[in-house]
Amino acid sequence: MADYTPKSYFEEKIAQKLKDKPETSKAVNAVYEFNITGDNGGVWTVDLTREPGTVTAGSTGTAKCTVTASSADFMNIVSGKMNPQMAFMSGKLKIKGDMGLAMKLQKVIG
């Protein structure tokens, strides 16, 4: 996990997970945008409205839920070092849009 950057995490790990578990897309059925700030940051769109889901670099403008976090905090969350709820409560993880979708985030990035 330590060797992942946000880019490789989205474009390799999450993309592979969506291929391996297409039911994830069916369960969530929404578009997320991830805005990762700082070193190795960037914007990725995870589209779970069709099977299997897709991960693309950049914004599509169609996200129902936008997640913002620093690169370091994001990697700590996905590696299990930081609890997502605690990150959200302490302002390290910001979520805009549909809070119901925010609750399903773990299925997507976990």
N, C-alpha and C. Protein backbone atom coordinates (compact mmCIF):
# COMPACT_ATOMS: atom_id res chain seq x y z
N MET A 1 0.83 -1.21 0.00
CA MET A 1 0.00 0.00 0.00
C MET A 1 0.86 1.26 0.00
N ALA A 2 2.01 1.19 0.65
CA ALA A 2 2.86 2.36 0.79
C ALA A 2 3.33 2.87 -0.57
N ASP A 3 3.39 1.98 -1.56
CA ASP A 3 3.88 2.37 -2.87
C ASP A 3 2.81 3.02 -3.74
N TYR A 4 1.59 3.01 -3.28
CA TYR A 4 0.52 3.63 -4.06
C TYR A 4 0.55 5.14 -3.94
N THR A 5 0.21 5.80 -5.04
CA THR A 5 -0.10 7.22 -5.02
C THR A 5 -1.61 7.28 -5.25
N PRO A 6 -2.22 8.45 -5.03
CA PRO A 6 -3.66 8.51 -5.35
C PRO A 6 -3.94 8.08 -6.79
N LYS A 7 -3.09 8.51 -7.73
CA LYS A 7 -3.30 8.15 -9.13
C LYS A 7 -3.31 6.64 -9.32
N SER A 8 -2.28 5.96 -8.80
CA SER A 8 -2.24 4.51 -9.00
C SER A 8 -3.34 3.81 -8.22
N TYR A 9 -3.71 4.39 -7.07
CA TYR A 9 -4.79 3.78 -6.28
C TYR A 9 -6.10 3.80 -7.08
N PHE A 10 -6.43 4.96 -7.66
CA PHE A 10 -7.66 5.05 -8.45
C PHE A 10 -7.56 4.24 -9.73
N GLU A 11 -6.49 4.45 -10.50
CA GLU A 11 -6.42 3.91 -11.85
C GLU A 11 -6.05 2.44 -11.89
N GLU A 12 -5.44 1.92 -10.82
CA GLU A 12 -5.11 0.49 -10.79
C GLU A 12 -5.99 -0.25 -9.79
N LYS A 13 -5.90 0.12 -8.53
CA LYS A 13 -6.57 -0.65 -7.49
C LYS A 13 -8.10 -0.56 -7.59
N ILE A 14 -8.63 0.65 -7.63
CA ILE A 14 -10.09 0.78 -7.69
C ILE A 14 -10.62 0.26 -9.03
N ALA A 15 -9.94 0.59 -10.12
CA ALA A 15 -10.38 0.10 -11.43
C ALA A 15 -10.44 -1.43 -11.46
N GLN A 16 -9.41 -2.06 -10.86
CA GLN A 16 -9.37 -3.53 -10.82
C GLN A 16 -10.49 -4.08 -9.93
N LYS A 17 -10.71 -3.42 -8.79
CA LYS A 17 -11.77 -3.86 -7.88
C LYS A 17 -13.13 -3.82 -8.58
N LEU A 18 -13.37 -2.78 -9.38
CA LEU A 18 -14.65 -2.66 -10.08
C LEU A 18 -14.81 -3.77 -11.12
N LYS A 19 -13.70 -4.15 -11.75
CA LYS A 19 -13.76 -5.26 -12.70
C LYS A 19 -14.03 -6.58 -11.97
N ASP A 20 -13.37 -6.75 -10.81
CA ASP A 20 -13.51 -7.99 -10.05
C ASP A 20 -14.87 -8.11 -9.39
N LYS A 21 -15.44 -6.97 -9.00
CA LYS A 21 -16.72 -6.98 -8.28
C LYS A 21 -17.71 -6.02 -8.94
N PRO A 22 -18.22 -6.37 -10.11
CA PRO A 22 -19.15 -5.47 -10.79
C PRO A 22 -20.42 -5.19 -9.97
N GLU A 23 -20.70 -6.07 -9.00
CA GLU A 23 -21.89 -5.84 -8.17
C GLU A 23 -21.76 -4.56 -7.33
N THR A 24 -20.51 -4.10 -7.13
CA THR A 24 -20.30 -2.84 -6.41
C THR A 24 -21.01 -1.70 -7.14
N SER A 25 -20.85 -1.67 -8.46
CA SER A 25 -21.50 -0.62 -9.26
C SER A 25 -23.01 -0.67 -9.12
N LYS A 26 -23.55 -1.89 -9.18
CA LYS A 26 -24.99 -2.05 -9.07
C LYS A 26 -25.49 -1.58 -7.71
N ALA A 27 -24.73 -1.88 -6.66
CA ALA A 27 -25.13 -1.53 -5.29
C ALA A 27 -25.11 -0.01 -5.07
N VAL A 28 -24.17 0.68 -5.71
CA VAL A 28 -24.00 2.10 -5.45
C VAL A 28 -24.71 2.95 -6.50
N ASN A 29 -24.53 2.62 -7.78
CA ASN A 29 -25.21 3.28 -8.90
C ASN A 29 -25.16 4.80 -8.84
N ALA A 30 -23.95 5.36 -8.78
CA ALA A 30 -23.80 6.81 -8.73
C ALA A 30 -22.43 7.20 -9.25
N VAL A 31 -22.24 8.51 -9.44
CA VAL A 31 -20.95 9.03 -9.89
C VAL A 31 -20.33 9.83 -8.74
N TYR A 32 -19.09 9.48 -8.43
CA TYR A 32 -18.32 10.19 -7.41
C TYR A 32 -17.19 10.96 -8.08
N GLU A 33 -16.88 12.11 -7.49
CA GLU A 33 -15.68 12.82 -7.91
C GLU A 33 -14.77 12.93 -6.70
N PHE A 34 -13.50 12.60 -6.91
CA PHE A 34 -12.52 12.68 -5.83
C PHE A 34 -11.53 13.79 -6.17
N ASN A 35 -11.43 14.77 -5.28
CA ASN A 35 -10.51 15.89 -5.47
C ASN A 35 -9.42 15.72 -4.42
N ILE A 36 -8.27 15.23 -4.86
CA ILE A 36 -7.17 14.94 -3.94
C ILE A 36 -6.14 16.07 -4.07
N THR A 37 -5.86 16.74 -2.95
CA THR A 37 -5.00 17.91 -2.96
C THR A 37 -3.59 17.57 -2.52
N GLY A 38 -2.65 18.45 -2.82
CA GLY A 38 -1.27 18.27 -2.37
C GLY A 38 -0.45 17.42 -3.31
N ASP A 39 0.68 16.90 -2.79
CA ASP A 39 1.60 16.09 -3.61
C ASP A 39 0.87 14.91 -4.23
N ASN A 40 1.10 14.66 -5.50
CA ASN A 40 0.50 13.54 -6.23
C ASN A 40 -1.02 13.63 -6.31
N GLY A 41 -1.56 14.80 -6.06
CA GLY A 41 -3.01 14.96 -6.07
C GLY A 41 -3.58 15.01 -7.48
N GLY A 42 -4.85 15.25 -7.56
CA GLY A 42 -5.53 15.34 -8.84
C GLY A 42 -7.01 15.11 -8.64
N VAL A 43 -7.73 15.03 -9.73
CA VAL A 43 -9.18 14.80 -9.69
C VAL A 43 -9.47 13.53 -10.47
N TRP A 44 -10.27 12.66 -9.86
CA TRP A 44 -10.70 11.42 -10.52
C TRP A 44 -12.20 11.28 -10.40
N THR A 45 -12.81 10.74 -11.44
CA THR A 45 -14.24 10.44 -11.43
C THR A 45 -14.40 8.93 -11.42
N VAL A 46 -15.21 8.46 -10.47
CA VAL A 46 -15.54 7.03 -10.39
C VAL A 46 -17.02 6.91 -10.74
N ASP A 47 -17.29 6.33 -11.89
CA ASP A 47 -18.66 6.23 -12.40
C ASP A 47 -19.18 4.81 -12.17
N LEU A 48 -20.15 4.72 -11.28
CA LEU A 48 -20.73 3.42 -10.94
C LEU A 48 -22.15 3.29 -11.48
N THR A 49 -22.47 4.06 -12.53
CA THR A 49 -23.83 3.98 -13.08
C THR A 49 -23.94 2.89 -14.13
N ARG A 50 -22.83 2.28 -14.51
CA ARG A 50 -22.90 1.13 -15.42
C ARG A 50 -21.88 0.09 -14.97
N GLU A 51 -22.10 -1.13 -15.39
CA GLU A 51 -21.19 -2.20 -14.98
C GLU A 51 -20.18 -2.50 -16.07
N PRO A 52 -18.92 -2.81 -15.73
CA PRO A 52 -18.42 -2.51 -14.40
C PRO A 52 -18.20 -1.01 -14.31
N GLY A 53 -17.97 -0.48 -13.16
CA GLY A 53 -17.73 0.96 -13.03
C GLY A 53 -16.46 1.36 -13.74
N THR A 54 -16.31 2.66 -13.96
CA THR A 54 -15.11 3.17 -14.61
C THR A 54 -14.44 4.23 -13.74
N VAL A 55 -13.13 4.34 -13.91
CA VAL A 55 -12.36 5.37 -13.23
C VAL A 55 -11.71 6.21 -14.33
N THR A 56 -11.94 7.52 -14.29
CA THR A 56 -11.30 8.39 -15.28
C THR A 56 -10.65 9.57 -14.57
N ALA A 57 -9.52 10.01 -15.12
CA ALA A 57 -8.86 11.19 -14.57
C ALA A 57 -9.66 12.41 -14.98
N GLY A 58 -9.78 13.37 -14.08
CA GLY A 58 -10.48 14.60 -14.38
C GLY A 58 -11.94 14.56 -13.94
N SER A 59 -12.59 15.69 -14.09
CA SER A 59 -13.99 15.84 -13.69
C SER A 59 -14.90 15.68 -14.89
N THR A 60 -16.02 15.00 -14.69
CA THR A 60 -17.01 14.90 -15.76
C THR A 60 -18.15 15.89 -15.52
N GLY A 61 -18.18 16.47 -14.33
CA GLY A 61 -19.24 17.41 -14.00
C GLY A 61 -20.56 16.72 -13.70
N THR A 62 -20.55 15.38 -13.59
CA THR A 62 -21.80 14.65 -13.37
C THR A 62 -21.88 14.02 -11.98
N ALA A 63 -20.88 14.29 -11.14
CA ALA A 63 -20.84 13.64 -9.82
C ALA A 63 -22.00 14.06 -8.93
N LYS A 64 -22.56 13.08 -8.22
CA LYS A 64 -23.61 13.35 -7.23
C LYS A 64 -22.99 13.53 -5.85
N CYS A 65 -21.72 13.13 -5.72
CA CYS A 65 -21.02 13.22 -4.44
C CYS A 65 -19.56 13.55 -4.73
N THR A 66 -19.06 14.64 -4.14
CA THR A 66 -17.66 15.03 -4.34
C THR A 66 -16.92 14.89 -3.02
N VAL A 67 -15.80 14.21 -3.08
CA VAL A 67 -14.99 13.94 -1.90
C VAL A 67 -13.67 14.69 -2.06
N THR A 68 -13.30 15.47 -1.05
CA THR A 68 -12.04 16.21 -1.08
C THR A 68 -11.20 15.83 0.12
N ALA A 69 -9.94 15.53 -0.13
CA ALA A 69 -9.00 15.20 0.96
C ALA A 69 -7.59 15.45 0.45
N SER A 70 -6.67 15.66 1.38
CA SER A 70 -5.27 15.78 0.96
C SER A 70 -4.78 14.40 0.56
N SER A 71 -3.73 14.38 -0.23
CA SER A 71 -3.15 13.13 -0.68
C SER A 71 -2.78 12.23 0.51
N ALA A 72 -2.10 12.82 1.50
CA ALA A 72 -1.66 12.04 2.66
C ALA A 72 -2.84 11.48 3.44
N ASP A 73 -3.86 12.32 3.68
CA ASP A 73 -5.03 11.85 4.43
C ASP A 73 -5.79 10.79 3.66
N PHE A 74 -5.94 10.98 2.35
CA PHE A 74 -6.64 10.00 1.54
C PHE A 74 -5.94 8.65 1.61
N MET A 75 -4.62 8.64 1.46
CA MET A 75 -3.89 7.38 1.49
C MET A 75 -3.98 6.73 2.88
N ASN A 76 -4.01 7.55 3.94
CA ASN A 76 -4.19 7.00 5.29
C ASN A 76 -5.57 6.38 5.45
N ILE A 77 -6.58 7.00 4.85
CA ILE A 77 -7.94 6.47 4.94
C ILE A 77 -8.03 5.13 4.19
N VAL A 78 -7.54 5.09 2.95
CA VAL A 78 -7.69 3.86 2.17
C VAL A 78 -6.81 2.73 2.67
N SER A 79 -5.74 3.08 3.40
CA SER A 79 -4.87 2.02 3.93
C SER A 79 -5.34 1.55 5.30
N GLY A 80 -6.39 2.21 5.84
CA GLY A 80 -6.93 1.79 7.13
C GLY A 80 -6.27 2.45 8.32
N LYS A 81 -5.32 3.36 8.08
CA LYS A 81 -4.64 4.03 9.19
C LYS A 81 -5.51 5.12 9.81
N MET A 82 -6.46 5.62 9.00
CA MET A 82 -7.34 6.68 9.49
C MET A 82 -8.78 6.27 9.26
N ASN A 83 -9.60 6.42 10.30
CA ASN A 83 -11.01 6.10 10.20
C ASN A 83 -11.72 7.16 9.36
N PRO A 84 -12.48 6.75 8.32
CA PRO A 84 -13.13 7.74 7.46
C PRO A 84 -14.09 8.66 8.22
N GLN A 85 -14.84 8.10 9.18
CA GLN A 85 -15.76 8.94 9.94
C GLN A 85 -15.00 9.99 10.75
N MET A 86 -13.90 9.57 11.37
CA MET A 86 -13.10 10.51 12.16
C MET A 86 -12.48 11.57 11.25
N ALA A 87 -12.04 11.15 10.08
CA ALA A 87 -11.45 12.09 9.11
C ALA A 87 -12.50 13.12 8.71
N PHE A 88 -13.73 12.67 8.51
CA PHE A 88 -14.82 13.57 8.13
C PHE A 88 -15.13 14.54 9.28
N MET A 89 -15.24 13.99 10.50
CA MET A 89 -15.58 14.82 11.67
C MET A 89 -14.51 15.87 11.94
N SER A 90 -13.25 15.52 11.67
CA SER A 90 -12.16 16.46 11.95
C SER A 90 -11.85 17.37 10.75
N GLY A 91 -12.64 17.24 9.70
CA GLY A 91 -12.48 18.13 8.55
C GLY A 91 -11.39 17.73 7.58
N LYS A 92 -10.82 16.55 7.77
CA LYS A 92 -9.76 16.10 6.86
C LYS A 92 -10.35 15.49 5.59
N LEU A 93 -11.59 15.07 5.68
CA LEU A 93 -12.31 14.51 4.54
C LEU A 93 -13.56 15.36 4.37
N LYS A 94 -13.67 16.02 3.22
CA LYS A 94 -14.83 16.88 2.98
C LYS A 94 -15.72 16.23 1.93
N ILE A 95 -17.02 16.30 2.18
CA ILE A 95 -17.96 15.67 1.26
C ILE A 95 -19.03 16.67 0.88
N LYS A 96 -19.25 16.83 -0.43
CA LYS A 96 -20.31 17.70 -0.92
C LYS A 96 -21.26 16.85 -1.73
N GLY A 97 -22.54 17.18 -1.59
CA GLY A 97 -23.52 16.44 -2.39
C GLY A 97 -24.32 15.47 -1.54
N ASP A 98 -24.64 14.34 -2.12
CA ASP A 98 -25.54 13.35 -1.53
C ASP A 98 -24.86 12.60 -0.37
N MET A 99 -25.34 12.88 0.85
CA MET A 99 -24.75 12.23 2.03
C MET A 99 -25.06 10.74 2.07
N GLY A 100 -26.15 10.32 1.46
CA GLY A 100 -26.46 8.89 1.38
C GLY A 100 -25.37 8.16 0.61
N LEU A 101 -24.86 8.82 -0.43
CA LEU A 101 -23.77 8.22 -1.21
C LEU A 101 -22.48 8.22 -0.41
N ALA A 102 -22.32 9.23 0.42
CA ALA A 102 -21.12 9.28 1.26
C ALA A 102 -21.06 8.05 2.15
N MET A 103 -22.22 7.57 2.59
CA MET A 103 -22.28 6.39 3.45
C MET A 103 -21.83 5.13 2.71
N LYS A 104 -21.93 5.17 1.39
CA LYS A 104 -21.55 3.99 0.59
C LYS A 104 -20.10 4.05 0.12
N LEU A 105 -19.41 5.11 0.51
CA LEU A 105 -18.04 5.30 0.06
C LEU A 105 -17.12 4.13 0.35
N GLN A 106 -17.31 3.53 1.51
CA GLN A 106 -16.45 2.42 1.92
C GLN A 106 -16.47 1.29 0.88
N LYS A 107 -17.65 1.08 0.28
CA LYS A 107 -17.77 0.04 -0.75
C LYS A 107 -16.88 0.37 -1.95
N VAL A 108 -16.73 1.66 -2.20
CA VAL A 108 -16.00 2.09 -3.38
C VAL A 108 -14.49 2.11 -3.14
N ILE A 109 -14.05 2.76 -2.07
CA ILE A 109 -12.61 2.93 -1.85
C ILE A 109 -12.02 1.97 -0.84
N GLY A 110 -12.89 1.26 -0.10
CA GLY A 110 -12.38 0.39 0.95
C GLY A 110 -11.71 -0.86 0.45
